[in-house]
Amino acid sequence: MMQREWESVDGIRFCPLTPEHWSEFEKLFGEHGADGGCWCMWWRLPEERFEEQTGELNKAAMKELVGSGRAPGFLAYICGEPIAWCSVGPRECYQALHRYWQLNRDEDKNTWSIVCFYVEEKFRRKGLMKILVEKAMQYALSQGAKVIEGYPIEPDKKLTGFAGFTGIVSVYKSLGFTEIDRNSRNEILMRFACED
């Protein structure tokens, strides 16, 4: 289970998404649930089920997950206001990853995945993603992760809207991740092998 709060970095405070922070998560994601009613459920559900419950049902599913006691990620704050989200956890939490990658399910428990980011528009393109990935790595390592994976894209033009929600390759490379594979969605499987 995530600790209640992490130390601040450059004036940014980080907290796991626990029930007492639900209203802040809801505020950050807004009325439409970030990307078209996703509510960060895309990687957690079979595709058909995700499509069936886009919007309020996805929101309810995420709220139930948060209430279960297993924080599905963390929020970043500036001056008490939520400005960003990062979803990180054991790969077994994100069964949809197996739709797009040939992954060894036997390694799911020891492999941690950083799958999604949401940053409030006015804080984008300010280097925040690297700080979020670093925090996610620190947390995964503290929980005994043997391998950490990311699934970023390598943009060939300036990103707009929600593009890049899985991360950017250059950020992962700068933190020691290695490219393992690419898929048809222009996502790149990157992996960081933790030292024993």
Foldseek 3Di string as FASTA:
>chain_A
DDDAWDDDDPQKTKGFLALVCLVLLDVQCDQCRAPRQQVVCCQQDDPVVSVVQRHPNNSVVVSVVRHVVDGQWMFMDHPRHTFKTWGKDQQVRRNSVVVWDVDDPVCRRQEMETFFMDGHVVCPPPPVVLVRVVVRVVVSVVVRRQKYKFWFADDPDDDDRCHGGRHHPVSCVVVPWDFDDATPVRITITMDGDDD
